[in-house]
C-alpha atoms as a PDB file:
ATOM      1  CA  MET A   1     -44.942  24.565  50.909  1.00  0.00           C
ATOM      2  CA  SER A   2     -46.178  23.051  47.654  1.00  0.00           C
ATOM      3  CA  ILE A   3     -47.070  24.369  44.226  1.00  0.00           C
ATOM      4  CA  SER A   4     -50.718  25.013  43.487  1.00  0.00           C
ATOM      5  CA  PRO A   5     -51.845  22.993  40.438  1.00  0.00           C
ATOM      6  CA  LYS A   6     -54.120  25.780  39.214  1.00  0.00           C
ATOM      7  CA  ASN A   7     -51.696  28.671  38.897  1.00  0.00           C
ATOM      8  CA  ASN A   8     -48.232  27.218  39.687  1.00  0.00           C
ATOM      9  CA  LEU A   9     -47.812  29.639  42.607  1.00  0.00           C
ATOM     10  CA  PRO A  10     -46.491  28.551  46.002  1.00  0.00           C
ATOM     11  CA  PHE A  11     -49.273  27.212  48.218  1.00  0.00           C
ATOM     12  CA  ASP A  12     -48.937  27.257  52.002  1.00  0.00           C
ATOM     13  CA  ALA A  13     -51.187  24.441  53.213  1.00  0.00           C
ATOM     14  CA  ARG A  14     -50.671  25.347  56.872  1.00  0.00           C
ATOM     15  CA  LYS A  15     -51.877  28.937  56.370  1.00  0.00           C
ATOM     16  CA  PHE A  16     -54.790  27.691  54.292  1.00  0.00           C
ATOM     17  CA  LEU A  17     -55.870  25.211  56.953  1.00  0.00           C
ATOM     18  CA  LEU A  18     -55.448  27.712  59.790  1.00  0.00           C
ATOM     19  CA  ARG A  19     -57.537  30.242  57.874  1.00  0.00           C
ATOM     20  CA  LYS A  20     -60.289  27.646  57.375  1.00  0.00           C
ATOM     21  CA  LEU A  21     -60.181  26.607  61.035  1.00  0.00           C
ATOM     22  CA  SER A  22     -60.412  30.233  62.172  1.00  0.00           C
ATOM     23  CA  ARG A  23     -63.680  30.612  60.262  1.00  0.00           C
ATOM     24  CA  GLN A  24     -65.357  27.298  61.108  1.00  0.00           C
ATOM     25  CA  ALA A  25     -64.830  24.032  62.919  1.00  0.00           C
ATOM     26  CA  LEU A  26     -63.636  21.242  60.654  1.00  0.00           C
ATOM     27  CA  HIS A  27     -63.530  17.493  61.016  1.00  0.00           C
ATOM     28  CA  ARG A  28     -60.180  15.884  60.219  1.00  0.00           C
ATOM     29  CA  ALA A  29     -61.744  14.118  57.229  1.00  0.00           C
ATOM     30  CA  GLN A  30     -62.964  17.454  55.855  1.00  0.00           C
ATOM     31  CA  ALA A  31     -59.527  18.991  56.289  1.00  0.00           C
ATOM     32  CA  LYS A  32     -57.937  16.069  54.411  1.00  0.00           C
ATOM     33  CA  LYS A  33     -60.462  16.432  51.607  1.00  0.00           C
ATOM     34  CA  LEU A  34     -59.870  20.195  51.303  1.00  0.00           C
ATOM     35  CA  LEU A  35     -56.099  19.779  51.217  1.00  0.00           C
ATOM     36  CA  LYS A  36     -56.293  16.973  48.630  1.00  0.00           C
ATOM     37  CA  GLU A  37     -58.422  19.226  46.435  1.00  0.00           C
ATOM     38  CA  LYS A  38     -55.629  21.799  46.660  1.00  0.00           C
ATOM     39  CA  GLY A  39     -53.113  19.218  45.451  1.00  0.00           C
ATOM     40  CA  VAL A  40     -51.251  18.659  48.705  1.00  0.00           C
ATOM     41  CA  LEU A  41     -49.495  15.289  49.006  1.00  0.00           C
ATOM     42  CA  ASP A  42     -50.916  12.679  51.403  1.00  0.00           C
ATOM     43  CA  GLU A  43     -47.786  12.552  53.584  1.00  0.00           C
ATOM     44  CA  GLU A  44     -47.799  16.331  53.926  1.00  0.00           C
ATOM     45  CA  ILE A  45     -51.521  16.294  54.787  1.00  0.00           C
ATOM     46  CA  ASP A  46     -51.028  13.702  57.531  1.00  0.00           C
ATOM     47  CA  ARG A  47     -48.069  15.615  58.966  1.00  0.00           C
ATOM     48  CA  LEU A  48     -49.952  18.920  58.898  1.00  0.00           C
ATOM     49  CA  ILE A  49     -53.087  17.532  60.524  1.00  0.00           C
ATOM     50  CA  ALA A  50     -50.974  15.837  63.199  1.00  0.00           C
ATOM     51  CA  SER A  51     -49.200  19.130  63.951  1.00  0.00           C
ATOM     52  CA  LEU A  52     -52.533  20.974  64.279  1.00  0.00           C
ATOM     53  CA  ASP A  53     -54.200  18.121  66.160  1.00  0.00           C
ATOM     54  CA  SER A  54     -55.240  20.269  69.132  1.00  0.00           C
ATOM     55  CA  LEU A  55     -57.359  22.481  66.857  1.00  0.00           C
ATOM     56  CA  PHE A  56     -59.594  19.594  65.763  1.00  0.00           C
ATOM     57  CA  ASP A  57     -62.437  18.350  67.943  1.00  0.00           C
ATOM     58  CA  ASP A  58     -64.120  15.723  65.810  1.00  0.00           C
ATOM     59  CA  GLU A  59     -66.636  14.664  68.468  1.00  0.00           C
ATOM     60  CA  ALA A  60     -67.817  18.232  69.062  1.00  0.00           C
ATOM     61  CA  TRP A  61     -68.094  18.789  65.324  1.00  0.00           C
ATOM     62  CA  VAL A  62     -70.194  15.631  64.866  1.00  0.00           C
ATOM     63  CA  ASP A  63     -72.359  16.492  67.895  1.00  0.00           C
ATOM     64  CA  GLY A  64     -72.998  19.951  66.471  1.00  0.00           C
ATOM     65  CA  LYS A  65     -73.962  18.489  63.114  1.00  0.00           C
ATOM     66  CA  LEU A  66     -76.262  15.918  64.737  1.00  0.00           C
ATOM     67  CA  ASN A  67     -77.972  18.641  66.786  1.00  0.00           C
ATOM     68  CA  ARG A  68     -78.484  20.702  63.643  1.00  0.00           C
ATOM     69  CA  PHE A  69     -79.851  17.701  61.737  1.00  0.00           C
ATOM     70  CA  THR A  70     -82.225  16.931  64.621  1.00  0.00           C
ATOM     71  CA  ARG A  71     -83.521  20.518  64.650  1.00  0.00           C
ATOM     72  CA  GLU A  72     -84.011  20.320  60.882  1.00  0.00           C
ATOM     73  CA  GLY A  73     -85.845  17.002  61.200  1.00  0.00           C
ATOM     74  CA  LYS A  74     -83.477  15.032  58.965  1.00  0.00           C
ATOM     75  CA  SER A  75     -84.001  11.286  58.712  1.00  0.00           C
ATOM     76  CA  ALA A  76     -81.235   8.832  59.595  1.00  0.00           C
ATOM     77  CA  LEU A  77     -80.749   8.156  55.886  1.00  0.00           C
ATOM     78  CA  GLN A  78     -80.198  11.847  55.165  1.00  0.00           C
ATOM     79  CA  VAL A  79     -77.820  12.187  58.119  1.00  0.00           C
ATOM     80  CA  LYS A  80     -75.711   9.212  57.006  1.00  0.00           C
ATOM     81  CA  LEU A  81     -75.522  10.634  53.497  1.00  0.00           C
ATOM     82  CA  LYS A  82     -74.527  14.133  54.670  1.00  0.00           C
ATOM     83  CA  LEU A  83     -71.867  12.811  57.046  1.00  0.00           C
ATOM     84  CA  ARG A  84     -70.526  10.402  54.432  1.00  0.00           C
ATOM     85  CA  GLN A  85     -70.205  13.326  52.003  1.00  0.00           C
ATOM     86  CA  ALA A  86     -68.151  15.112  54.656  1.00  0.00           C
ATOM     87  CA  GLY A  87     -65.985  11.998  54.971  1.00  0.00           C
ATOM     88  CA  VAL A  88     -67.213  11.032  58.431  1.00  0.00           C
ATOM     89  CA  VAL A  89     -68.414   7.613  59.554  1.00  0.00           C
ATOM     90  CA  SER A  90     -71.899   8.210  60.860  1.00  0.00           C
ATOM     91  CA  PRO A  91     -72.423   7.783  64.595  1.00  0.00           C
ATOM     92  CA  SER A  92     -75.679   6.882  66.298  1.00  0.00           C
ATOM     93  CA  TYR A  93     -78.519   9.273  65.551  1.00  0.00           C
ATOM     94  CA  ASP A  94     -81.848   9.556  67.361  1.00  0.00           C
ATOM     95  CA  GLU A  95     -84.167   9.400  64.367  1.00  0.00           C
ATOM     96  CA  LYS A  96     -87.256   9.265  66.572  1.00  0.00           C
ATOM     97  CA  GLU A  97     -86.447  12.606  68.183  1.00  0.00           C
ATOM     98  CA  ALA A  98     -85.733  14.138  64.771  1.00  0.00           C
ATOM     99  CA  LEU A  99     -89.050  12.875  63.431  1.00  0.00           C
ATOM    100  CA  GLU A 100     -90.918  14.299  66.429  1.00  0.00           C
ATOM    101  CA  VAL A 101     -89.287  17.686  65.829  1.00  0.00           C
ATOM    102  CA  CYS A 102     -90.105  17.501  62.124  1.00  0.00           C
ATOM    103  CA  ILE A 103     -93.755  16.646  62.790  1.00  0.00           C
ATOM    104  CA  ARG A 104     -94.110  19.448  65.349  1.00  0.00           C
ATOM    105  CA  LYS A 105     -92.491  22.013  63.054  1.00  0.00           C
ATOM    106  CA  LYS A 106     -93.708  21.148  59.578  1.00  0.00           C
ATOM    107  CA  TYR A 107     -96.508  18.600  59.817  1.00  0.00           C
ATOM    108  CA  SER A 108     -98.407  19.610  62.947  1.00  0.00           C
ATOM    109  CA  CYS A 109    -101.688  18.713  61.257  1.00  0.00           C
ATOM    110  CA  LEU A 110    -100.797  15.073  61.966  1.00  0.00           C
ATOM    111  CA  LEU A 111    -101.112  15.823  65.678  1.00  0.00           C
ATOM    112  CA  SER A 112    -104.602  17.309  65.514  1.00  0.00           C
ATOM    113  CA  SER A 113    -107.728  15.181  65.413  1.00  0.00           C
ATOM    114  CA  ASP A 114    -109.636  17.578  63.150  1.00  0.00           C
ATOM    115  CA  CYS A 115    -107.130  17.408  60.272  1.00  0.00           C
ATOM    116  CA  PRO A 116    -108.636  16.079  57.007  1.00  0.00           C
ATOM    117  CA  ARG A 117    -107.589  12.562  56.019  1.00  0.00           C
ATOM    118  CA  GLU A 118    -106.124  13.686  52.662  1.00  0.00           C
ATOM    119  CA  LYS A 119    -103.910  16.260  54.337  1.00  0.00           C
ATOM    120  CA  LYS A 120    -102.651  13.657  56.814  1.00  0.00           C
ATOM    121  CA  GLN A 121    -101.891  11.242  53.971  1.00  0.00           C
ATOM    122  CA  ARG A 122     -99.928  13.915  52.093  1.00  0.00           C
ATOM    123  CA  ALA A 123     -97.942  14.728  55.224  1.00  0.00           C
ATOM    124  CA  ILE A 124     -97.117  11.053  55.801  1.00  0.00           C
ATOM    125  CA  GLN A 125     -96.068  10.689  52.168  1.00  0.00           C
ATOM    126  CA  ALA A 126     -93.776  13.703  52.526  1.00  0.00           C
ATOM    127  CA  LEU A 127     -92.177  12.136  55.611  1.00  0.00           C
ATOM    128  CA  LEU A 128     -91.690   8.877  53.708  1.00  0.00           C
ATOM    129  CA  ARG A 129     -89.963  10.778  50.896  1.00  0.00           C
ATOM    130  CA  ARG A 130     -87.644  12.329  53.491  1.00  0.00           C
ATOM    131  CA  GLY A 131     -86.510   8.812  54.411  1.00  0.00           C
ATOM    132  CA  TYR A 132     -88.492   8.033  57.557  1.00  0.00           C
ATOM    133  CA  SER A 133     -89.964   4.550  57.908  1.00  0.00           C
ATOM    134  CA  LEU A 134     -93.719   4.101  57.997  1.00  0.00           C
ATOM    135  CA  SER A 135     -93.530   2.075  61.197  1.00  0.00           C
ATOM    136  CA  LEU A 136     -91.661   4.886  62.984  1.00  0.00           C
ATOM    137  CA  ILE A 137     -94.160   7.490  61.753  1.00  0.00           C
ATOM    138  CA  HIS A 138     -97.105   5.379  62.940  1.00  0.00           C
ATOM    139  CA  SER A 139     -95.500   4.656  66.326  1.00  0.00           C
ATOM    140  CA  ILE A 140     -95.000   8.364  67.005  1.00  0.00           C
ATOM    141  CA  LEU A 141     -98.550   9.174  65.911  1.00  0.00           C
ATOM    142  CA  ARG A 142     -99.899   6.369  68.143  1.00  0.00           C
ATOM    143  CA  GLU A 143     -97.892   7.674  71.106  1.00  0.00           C
ATOM    144  CA  ASN A 144     -99.270  11.153  70.506  1.00  0.00           C
ATOM    145  CA  VAL A 145    -102.861   9.895  70.336  1.00  0.00           C
ATOM    146  CA  LEU A 146    -102.386   7.920  73.547  1.00  0.00           C
ATOM    147  CA  SER A 147    -100.812  10.854  75.370  1.00  0.00           C
ATOM    148  CA  SER A 148    -103.609  13.186  74.260  1.00  0.00           C
ATOM    149  CA  LEU A 149    -106.235  10.671  75.460  1.00  0.00           C
ATOM    150  CA  ILE A 150    -104.528  10.423  78.845  1.00  0.00           C
ATOM    151  CA  ALA A 151    -104.372  14.215  79.077  1.00  0.00           C
ATOM    152  CA  GLU A 152    -108.118  14.451  78.330  1.00  0.00           C
ATOM    153  CA  GLU A 153    -108.953  11.866  80.992  1.00  0.00           C
ATOM    154  CA  GLU A 154    -106.986  13.810  83.603  1.00  0.00           C
ATOM    155  CA  ARG A 155    -109.040  16.951  82.965  1.00  0.00           C
END
């Protein structure tokens, strides 16, 4: 038990961490960051996290985050930034799949042949601002055009 720097009252780091873990899954790096913000000493943090080791599933937490980022259409740059802010080294991320989801959800005009050129350019510019590379955008659009041509030929 340590003293809270804000109000000089006893602070039970174990209870705090258990309360956080009961509400949401945490990565070990997040737990360390939260406890440091509360003024807990590094040795005490390491000991506490080691004692609650079975409650942390870092891989599942990262997988959940990556799935969420893919559904949201985040670029690899955005994912690395978000994970770094959480104190996690970023794993591999399928940026192509995320871009496909993003185009289907938010920029579906890129997939239609009757979309005006200006609207397509604005959509591509928005994707570039989100951190996607132009070559990746063009490769996905080319694949879509080819697949739609093949589908038309089969009819």
